[in-house]
Amino acid sequence: MRKVIVYTADPCARCGRAKALLARRGILYEEVNLTKDADGRAELASRTGLMTFPQIVVDDAVIGGFDDLVVADGDGRLDVLLAA
């Protein structure tokens, strides 16, 4: 099973929507809240090249934010990443 990580911050409505989409699909994920973790935010930016939340990562594949997750879910790429 692939490891799905959702990087979040508070408050973040899109983070909640991303987690809800994954939950509806029955996809287990680990949430990493970086609200008060400046080092974690820097590491995430280094890893993904992005500083917005949420950021969704499947193993080493960066999906991106909520809008990217919706697109990946709609076009089947999310299923491919989870099955790989």
PDB file of N, CA and C in Angstrom:
ATOM      1  N   MET A   1       0.840  -1.188   0.000  1.00  0.00           N
ATOM      2  CA  MET A   1       0.000   0.000   0.000  1.00  0.00           C
ATOM      3  C   MET A   1       0.881   1.246   0.000  1.00  0.00           C
ATOM      4  N   ARG A   2       0.506   2.195  -0.795  1.00  0.00           N
ATOM      5  CA  ARG A   2       1.245   3.449  -0.915  1.00  0.00           C
ATOM      6  C   ARG A   2       1.001   4.335   0.302  1.00  0.00           C
ATOM      7  N   LYS A   3       2.003   5.126   0.655  1.00  0.00           N
ATOM      8  CA  LYS A   3       1.878   6.050   1.776  1.00  0.00           C
ATOM      9  C   LYS A   3       1.412   7.399   1.253  1.00  0.00           C
ATOM     10  N   VAL A   4       0.294   7.861   1.773  1.00  0.00           N
ATOM     11  CA  VAL A   4      -0.274   9.153   1.390  1.00  0.00           C
ATOM     12  C   VAL A   4      -0.092  10.096   2.574  1.00  0.00           C
ATOM     13  N   ILE A   5       0.530  11.237   2.299  1.00  0.00           N
ATOM     14  CA  ILE A   5       0.730  12.255   3.336  1.00  0.00           C
ATOM     15  C   ILE A   5       0.027  13.524   2.894  1.00  0.00           C
ATOM     16  N   VAL A   6      -0.748  14.106   3.813  1.00  0.00           N
ATOM     17  CA  VAL A   6      -1.413  15.378   3.572  1.00  0.00           C
ATOM     18  C   VAL A   6      -0.785  16.383   4.528  1.00  0.00           C
ATOM     19  N   TYR A   7      -0.041  17.333   3.966  1.00  0.00           N
ATOM     20  CA  TYR A   7       0.557  18.397   4.758  1.00  0.00           C
ATOM     21  C   TYR A   7      -0.474  19.503   4.895  1.00  0.00           C
ATOM     22  N   THR A   8      -0.745  19.902   6.137  1.00  0.00           N
ATOM     23  CA  THR A   8      -1.790  20.884   6.401  1.00  0.00           C
ATOM     24  C   THR A   8      -1.263  22.017   7.266  1.00  0.00           C
ATOM     25  N   ALA A   9      -2.096  23.042   7.405  1.00  0.00           N
ATOM     26  CA  ALA A   9      -1.869  24.154   8.326  1.00  0.00           C
ATOM     27  C   ALA A   9      -3.243  24.598   8.821  1.00  0.00           C
ATOM     28  N   ASP A  10      -3.266  25.317   9.923  1.00  0.00           N
ATOM     29  CA  ASP A  10      -4.529  25.799  10.491  1.00  0.00           C
ATOM     30  C   ASP A  10      -4.592  27.316  10.376  1.00  0.00           C
ATOM     31  N   PRO A  11      -5.718  27.902  10.115  1.00  0.00           N
ATOM     32  CA  PRO A  11      -6.922  27.297   9.562  1.00  0.00           C
ATOM     33  C   PRO A  11      -6.760  27.085   8.059  1.00  0.00           C
ATOM     34  N   CYS A  12      -7.450  26.090   7.527  1.00  0.00           N
ATOM     35  CA  CYS A  12      -7.288  25.780   6.111  1.00  0.00           C
ATOM     36  C   CYS A  12      -8.497  24.985   5.615  1.00  0.00           C
ATOM     37  N   ALA A  13      -9.426  25.679   4.974  1.00  0.00           N
ATOM     38  CA  ALA A  13     -10.631  25.025   4.462  1.00  0.00           C
ATOM     39  C   ALA A  13     -10.283  24.002   3.376  1.00  0.00           C
ATOM     40  N   ARG A  14      -9.331  24.330   2.515  1.00  0.00           N
ATOM     41  CA  ARG A  14      -8.945  23.399   1.445  1.00  0.00           C
ATOM     42  C   ARG A  14      -8.309  22.136   2.007  1.00  0.00           C
ATOM     43  N   CYS A  15      -7.623  22.257   3.142  1.00  0.00           N
ATOM     44  CA  CYS A  15      -7.053  21.074   3.798  1.00  0.00           C
ATOM     45  C   CYS A  15      -8.184  20.138   4.220  1.00  0.00           C
ATOM     46  N   GLY A  16      -9.224  20.706   4.804  1.00  0.00           N
ATOM     47  CA  GLY A  16     -10.377  19.906   5.214  1.00  0.00           C
ATOM     48  C   GLY A  16     -11.056  19.235   4.029  1.00  0.00           C
ATOM     49  N   ARG A  17     -11.160  19.948   2.912  1.00  0.00           N
ATOM     50  CA  ARG A  17     -11.778  19.362   1.713  1.00  0.00           C
ATOM     51  C   ARG A  17     -10.926  18.244   1.142  1.00  0.00           C
ATOM     52  N   ALA A  18      -9.617  18.414   1.169  1.00  0.00           N
ATOM     53  CA  ALA A  18      -8.723  17.365   0.668  1.00  0.00           C
ATOM     54  C   ALA A  18      -8.843  16.107   1.525  1.00  0.00           C
ATOM     55  N   LYS A  19      -8.856  16.286   2.837  1.00  0.00           N
ATOM     56  CA  LYS A  19      -8.985  15.134   3.740  1.00  0.00           C
ATOM     57  C   LYS A  19     -10.339  14.461   3.559  1.00  0.00           C
ATOM     58  N   ALA A  20     -11.383  15.255   3.353  1.00  0.00           N
ATOM     59  CA  ALA A  20     -12.721  14.688   3.139  1.00  0.00           C
ATOM     60  C   ALA A  20     -12.782  13.886   1.842  1.00  0.00           C
ATOM     61  N   LEU A  21     -12.158  14.390   0.766  1.00  0.00           N
ATOM     62  CA  LEU A  21     -12.135  13.659  -0.506  1.00  0.00           C
ATOM     63  C   LEU A  21     -11.434  12.314  -0.328  1.00  0.00           C
ATOM     64  N   LEU A  22     -10.291  12.331   0.329  1.00  0.00           N
ATOM     65  CA  LEU A  22      -9.566  11.074   0.555  1.00  0.00           C
ATOM     66  C   LEU A  22     -10.390  10.119   1.417  1.00  0.00           C
ATOM     67  N   ALA A  23     -11.028  10.630   2.447  1.00  0.00           N
ATOM     68  CA  ALA A  23     -11.848   9.793   3.320  1.00  0.00           C
ATOM     69  C   ALA A  23     -13.027   9.189   2.560  1.00  0.00           C
ATOM     70  N   ARG A  24     -13.698   9.987   1.717  1.00  0.00           N
ATOM     71  CA  ARG A  24     -14.817   9.463   0.919  1.00  0.00           C
ATOM     72  C   ARG A  24     -14.372   8.331   0.017  1.00  0.00           C
ATOM     73  N   ARG A  25     -13.154   8.432  -0.489  1.00  0.00           N
ATOM     74  CA  ARG A  25     -12.601   7.400  -1.370  1.00  0.00           C
ATOM     75  C   ARG A  25     -12.043   6.213  -0.586  1.00  0.00           C
ATOM     76  N   GLY A  26     -12.039   6.305   0.740  1.00  0.00           N
ATOM     77  CA  GLY A  26     -11.505   5.228   1.565  1.00  0.00           C
ATOM     78  C   GLY A  26      -9.990   5.146   1.536  1.00  0.00           C
ATOM     79  N   ILE A  27      -9.337   6.259   1.224  1.00  0.00           N
ATOM     80  CA  ILE A  27      -7.879   6.304   1.130  1.00  0.00           C
ATOM     81  C   ILE A  27      -7.320   6.728   2.480  1.00  0.00           C
ATOM     82  N   LEU A  28      -6.519   5.862   3.071  1.00  0.00           N
ATOM     83  CA  LEU A  28      -5.882   6.172   4.338  1.00  0.00           C
ATOM     84  C   LEU A  28      -4.733   7.145   4.095  1.00  0.00           C
ATOM     85  N   TYR A  29      -4.560   8.087   5.006  1.00  0.00           N
ATOM     86  CA  TYR A  29      -3.505   9.084   4.855  1.00  0.00           C
ATOM     87  C   TYR A  29      -2.967   9.463   6.220  1.00  0.00           C
ATOM     88  N   GLU A  30      -1.761   9.997   6.200  1.00  0.00           N
ATOM     89  CA  GLU A  30      -1.146  10.563   7.392  1.00  0.00           C
ATOM     90  C   GLU A  30      -1.211  12.075   7.250  1.00  0.00           C
ATOM     91  N   GLU A  31      -1.676  12.744   8.287  1.00  0.00           N
ATOM     92  CA  GLU A  31      -1.715  14.212   8.265  1.00  0.00           C
ATOM     93  C   GLU A  31      -0.506  14.753   9.016  1.00  0.00           C
ATOM     94  N   VAL A  32       0.175  15.695   8.392  1.00  0.00           N
ATOM     95  CA  VAL A  32       1.295  16.386   9.028  1.00  0.00           C
ATOM     96  C   VAL A  32       0.937  17.866   9.070  1.00  0.00           C
ATOM     97  N   ASN A  33       0.601  18.344  10.260  1.00  0.00           N
ATOM     98  CA  ASN A  33       0.206  19.735  10.427  1.00  0.00           C
ATOM     99  C   ASN A  33       1.453  20.575  10.689  1.00  0.00           C
ATOM    100  N   LEU A  34       1.702  21.538   9.813  1.00  0.00           N
ATOM    101  CA  LEU A  34       2.901  22.361   9.892  1.00  0.00           C
ATOM    102  C   LEU A  34       2.611  23.787  10.351  1.00  0.00           C
ATOM    103  N   THR A  35       1.493  23.981  11.042  1.00  0.00           N
ATOM    104  CA  THR A  35       1.104  25.318  11.471  1.00  0.00           C
ATOM    105  C   THR A  35       2.211  26.024  12.242  1.00  0.00           C
ATOM    106  N   LYS A  36       2.825  25.338  13.185  1.00  0.00           N
ATOM    107  CA  LYS A  36       3.845  25.966  14.037  1.00  0.00           C
ATOM    108  C   LYS A  36       5.217  25.328  13.838  1.00  0.00           C
ATOM    109  N   ASP A  37       5.474  24.828  12.642  1.00  0.00           N
ATOM    110  CA  ASP A  37       6.727  24.120  12.375  1.00  0.00           C
ATOM    111  C   ASP A  37       7.441  24.767  11.186  1.00  0.00           C
ATOM    112  N   ALA A  38       8.210  25.820  11.464  1.00  0.00           N
ATOM    113  CA  ALA A  38       8.905  26.544  10.395  1.00  0.00           C
ATOM    114  C   ALA A  38       9.888  25.644   9.655  1.00  0.00           C
ATOM    115  N   ASP A  39      10.581  24.767  10.372  1.00  0.00           N
ATOM    116  CA  ASP A  39      11.521  23.853   9.726  1.00  0.00           C
ATOM    117  C   ASP A  39      10.789  22.875   8.808  1.00  0.00           C
ATOM    118  N   GLY A  40       9.635  22.391   9.270  1.00  0.00           N
ATOM    119  CA  GLY A  40       8.833  21.477   8.448  1.00  0.00           C
ATOM    120  C   GLY A  40       8.322  22.154   7.192  1.00  0.00           C
ATOM    121  N   ARG A  41       7.939  23.414   7.312  1.00  0.00           N
ATOM    122  CA  ARG A  41       7.489  24.171   6.135  1.00  0.00           C
ATOM    123  C   ARG A  41       8.628  24.330   5.126  1.00  0.00           C
ATOM    124  N   ALA A  42       9.818  24.611   5.629  1.00  0.00           N
ATOM    125  CA  ALA A  42      10.978  24.760   4.741  1.00  0.00           C
ATOM    126  C   ALA A  42      11.293  23.435   4.053  1.00  0.00           C
ATOM    127  N   GLU A  43      11.199  22.340   4.804  1.00  0.00           N
ATOM    128  CA  GLU A  43      11.445  21.016   4.223  1.00  0.00           C
ATOM    129  C   GLU A  43      10.403  20.689   3.158  1.00  0.00           C
ATOM    130  N   LEU A  44       9.145  21.016   3.429  1.00  0.00           N
ATOM    131  CA  LEU A  44       8.083  20.780   2.450  1.00  0.00           C
ATOM    132  C   LEU A  44       8.321  21.595   1.191  1.00  0.00           C
ATOM    133  N   ALA A  45       8.692  22.853   1.345  1.00  0.00           N
ATOM    134  CA  ALA A  45       8.962  23.707   0.181  1.00  0.00           C
ATOM    135  C   ALA A  45      10.122  23.149  -0.628  1.00  0.00           C
ATOM    136  N   SER A  46      11.132  22.637   0.060  1.00  0.00           N
ATOM    137  CA  SER A  46      12.270  22.030  -0.635  1.00  0.00           C
ATOM    138  C   SER A  46      11.845  20.775  -1.389  1.00  0.00           C
ATOM    139  N   ARG A  47      10.971  19.989  -0.772  1.00  0.00           N
ATOM    140  CA  ARG A  47      10.526  18.718  -1.367  1.00  0.00           C
ATOM    141  C   ARG A  47       9.575  18.934  -2.539  1.00  0.00           C
ATOM    142  N   THR A  48       8.629  19.871  -2.381  1.00  0.00           N
ATOM    143  CA  THR A  48       7.574  20.035  -3.378  1.00  0.00           C
ATOM    144  C   THR A  48       7.749  21.265  -4.258  1.00  0.00           C
ATOM    145  N   GLY A  49       8.540  22.221  -3.791  1.00  0.00           N
ATOM    146  CA  GLY A  49       8.671  23.487  -4.511  1.00  0.00           C
ATOM    147  C   GLY A  49       7.498  24.415  -4.263  1.00  0.00           C
ATOM    148  N   LEU A  50       6.631  24.053  -3.323  1.00  0.00           N
ATOM    149  CA  LEU A  50       5.423  24.832  -3.056  1.00  0.00           C
ATOM    150  C   LEU A  50       5.326  25.185  -1.579  1.00  0.00           C
ATOM    151  N   MET A  51       4.650  26.281  -1.278  1.00  0.00           N
ATOM    152  CA  MET A  51       4.470  26.718   0.106  1.00  0.00           C
ATOM    153  C   MET A  51       3.001  26.859   0.486  1.00  0.00           C
ATOM    154  N   THR A  52       2.104  26.357  -0.340  1.00  0.00           N
ATOM    155  CA  THR A  52       0.684  26.472  -0.039  1.00  0.00           C
ATOM    156  C   THR A  52       0.185  25.177   0.585  1.00  0.00           C
ATOM    157  N   PHE A  53      -0.963  25.263   1.234  1.00  0.00           N
ATOM    158  CA  PHE A  53      -1.559  24.092   1.889  1.00  0.00           C
ATOM    159  C   PHE A  53      -2.953  23.864   1.367  1.00  0.00           C
ATOM    160  N   PRO A  54      -3.370  22.611   1.290  1.00  0.00           N
ATOM    161  CA  PRO A  54      -2.613  21.416   1.621  1.00  0.00           C
ATOM    162  C   PRO A  54      -1.624  21.057   0.518  1.00  0.00           C
ATOM    163  N   GLN A  55      -0.734  20.150   0.839  1.00  0.00           N
ATOM    164  CA  GLN A  55       0.118  19.506  -0.153  1.00  0.00           C
ATOM    165  C   GLN A  55      -0.067  18.004   0.040  1.00  0.00           C
ATOM    166  N   ILE A  56      -0.376  17.314  -1.043  1.00  0.00           N
ATOM    167  CA  ILE A  56      -0.626  15.881  -0.975  1.00  0.00           C
ATOM    168  C   ILE A  56       0.496  15.166  -1.710  1.00  0.00           C
ATOM    169  N   VAL A  57       1.078  14.171  -1.026  1.00  0.00           N
ATOM    170  CA  VAL A  57       2.187  13.409  -1.573  1.00  0.00           C
ATOM    171  C   VAL A  57       1.849  11.925  -1.442  1.00  0.00           C
ATOM    172  N   VAL A  58       2.027  11.180  -2.538  1.00  0.00           N
ATOM    173  CA  VAL A  58       1.850   9.723  -2.528  1.00  0.00           C
ATOM    174  C   VAL A  58       3.234   9.128  -2.745  1.00  0.00           C
ATOM    175  N   ASP A  59       3.741   8.460  -1.712  1.00  0.00           N
ATOM    176  CA  ASP A  59       5.134   8.001  -1.704  1.00  0.00           C
ATOM    177  C   ASP A  59       6.022   9.184  -2.061  1.00  0.00           C
ATOM    178  N   ASP A  60       6.710   9.159  -3.183  1.00  0.00           N
ATOM    179  CA  ASP A  60       7.562  10.284  -3.574  1.00  0.00           C
ATOM    180  C   ASP A  60       6.937  11.155  -4.654  1.00  0.00           C
ATOM    181  N   ALA A  61       5.707  10.841  -5.062  1.00  0.00           N
ATOM    182  CA  ALA A  61       5.031  11.603  -6.116  1.00  0.00           C
ATOM    183  C   ALA A  61       4.225  12.741  -5.496  1.00  0.00           C
ATOM    184  N   VAL A  62       4.555  13.964  -5.878  1.00  0.00           N
ATOM    185  CA  VAL A  62       3.848  15.139  -5.376  1.00  0.00           C
ATOM    186  C   VAL A  62       2.618  15.365  -6.248  1.00  0.00           C
ATOM    187  N   ILE A  63       1.440  15.272  -5.627  1.00  0.00           N
ATOM    188  CA  ILE A  63       0.205  15.574  -6.358  1.00  0.00           C
ATOM    189  C   ILE A  63       0.009  17.079  -6.412  1.00  0.00           C
ATOM    190  N   GLY A  64       0.225  17.743  -5.294  1.00  0.00           N
ATOM    191  CA  GLY A  64       0.035  19.186  -5.219  1.00  0.00           C
ATOM    192  C   GLY A  64      -1.040  19.519  -4.211  1.00  0.00           C
ATOM    193  N   GLY A  65      -1.777  20.581  -4.470  1.00  0.00           N
ATOM    194  CA  GLY A  65      -2.803  21.050  -3.553  1.00  0.00           C
ATOM    195  C   GLY A  65      -4.159  20.430  -3.807  1.00  0.00           C
ATOM    196  N   PHE A  66      -5.189  21.036  -3.193  1.00  0.00           N
ATOM    197  CA  PHE A  66      -6.542  20.496  -3.288  1.00  0.00           C
ATOM    198  C   PHE A  66      -7.028  20.440  -4.730  1.00  0.00           C
ATOM    199  N   ASP A  67      -6.861  21.522  -5.478  1.00  0.00           N
ATOM    200  CA  ASP A  67      -7.324  21.524  -6.872  1.00  0.00           C
ATOM    201  C   ASP A  67      -6.626  20.436  -7.681  1.00  0.00           C
ATOM    202  N   ASP A  68      -5.334  20.251  -7.430  1.00  0.00           N
ATOM    203  CA  ASP A  68      -4.582  19.200  -8.123  1.00  0.00           C
ATOM    204  C   ASP A  68      -5.102  17.813  -7.740  1.00  0.00           C
ATOM    205  N   LEU A  69      -5.469  17.641  -6.476  1.00  0.00           N
ATOM    206  CA  LEU A  69      -6.024  16.374  -6.012  1.00  0.00           C
ATOM    207  C   LEU A  69      -7.344  16.079  -6.705  1.00  0.00           C
ATOM    208  N   VAL A  70      -8.192  17.090  -6.837  1.00  0.00           N
ATOM    209  CA  VAL A  70      -9.489  16.911  -7.519  1.00  0.00           C
ATOM    210  C   VAL A  70      -9.264  16.479  -8.967  1.00  0.00           C
ATOM    211  N   VAL A  71      -8.337  17.131  -9.640  1.00  0.00           N
ATOM    212  CA  VAL A  71      -8.031  16.775 -11.033  1.00  0.00           C
ATOM    213  C   VAL A  71      -7.485  15.353 -11.108  1.00  0.00           C
ATOM    214  N   ALA A  72      -6.533  15.017 -10.222  1.00  0.00           N
ATOM    215  CA  ALA A  72      -5.932  13.679 -10.225  1.00  0.00           C
ATOM    216  C   ALA A  72      -6.978  12.610  -9.937  1.00  0.00           C
ATOM    217  N   ASP A  73      -7.931  12.918  -9.073  1.00  0.00           N
ATOM    218  CA  ASP A  73      -9.010  11.979  -8.780  1.00  0.00           C
ATOM    219  C   ASP A  73      -9.919  11.824  -9.992  1.00  0.00           C
ATOM    220  N   GLY A  74     -10.245  12.934 -10.631  1.00  0.00           N
ATOM    221  CA  GLY A  74     -11.165  12.918 -11.770  1.00  0.00           C
ATOM    222  C   GLY A  74     -10.600  12.250 -13.009  1.00  0.00           C
ATOM    223  N   ASP A  75      -9.292  12.420 -13.245  1.00  0.00           N
ATOM    224  CA  ASP A  75      -8.721  11.849 -14.477  1.00  0.00           C
ATOM    225  C   ASP A  75      -8.111  10.460 -14.273  1.00  0.00           C
ATOM    226  N   GLY A  76      -8.227   9.931 -13.049  1.00  0.00           N
ATOM    227  CA  GLY A  76      -7.746   8.572 -12.794  1.00  0.00           C
ATOM    228  C   GLY A  76      -6.288   8.484 -12.357  1.00  0.00           C
ATOM    229  N   ARG A  77      -5.576   9.605 -12.369  1.00  0.00           N
ATOM    230  CA  ARG A  77      -4.161   9.587 -11.993  1.00  0.00           C
ATOM    231  C   ARG A  77      -3.963   9.200 -10.530  1.00  0.00           C
ATOM    232  N   LEU A  78      -4.905   9.591  -9.658  1.00  0.00           N
ATOM    233  CA  LEU A  78      -4.811   9.225  -8.247  1.00  0.00           C
ATOM    234  C   LEU A  78      -4.853   7.709  -8.095  1.00  0.00           C
ATOM    235  N   ASP A  79      -5.770   7.063  -8.803  1.00  0.00           N
ATOM    236  CA  ASP A  79      -5.853   5.598  -8.751  1.00  0.00           C
ATOM    237  C   ASP A  79      -4.566   4.941  -9.257  1.00  0.00           C
ATOM    238  N   VAL A  80      -4.008   5.510 -10.308  1.00  0.00           N
ATOM    239  CA  VAL A  80      -2.753   4.961 -10.868  1.00  0.00           C
ATOM    240  C   VAL A  80      -1.621   5.091  -9.848  1.00  0.00           C
ATOM    241  N   LEU A  81      -1.525   6.254  -9.199  1.00  0.00           N
ATOM    242  CA  LEU A  81      -0.478   6.463  -8.207  1.00  0.00           C
ATOM    243  C   LEU A  81      -0.641   5.509  -7.020  1.00  0.00           C
ATOM    244  N   LEU A  82      -1.871   5.284  -6.615  1.00  0.00           N
ATOM    245  CA  LEU A  82      -2.114   4.406  -5.468  1.00  0.00           C
ATOM    246  C   LEU A  82      -1.881   2.944  -5.811  1.00  0.00           C
ATOM    247  N   ALA A  83      -2.055   2.593  -7.073  1.00  0.00           N
ATOM    248  CA  ALA A  83      -1.896   1.201  -7.495  1.00  0.00           C
ATOM    249  C   ALA A  83      -0.458   0.858  -7.878  1.00  0.00           C
ATOM    250  N   ALA A  84       0.334   1.872  -8.171  1.00  0.00           N
ATOM    251  CA  ALA A  84       1.705   1.636  -8.678  1.00  0.00           C
ATOM    252  C   ALA A  84       2.564   0.896  -7.673  1.00  0.00           C
TER     253      ALA A  84
END
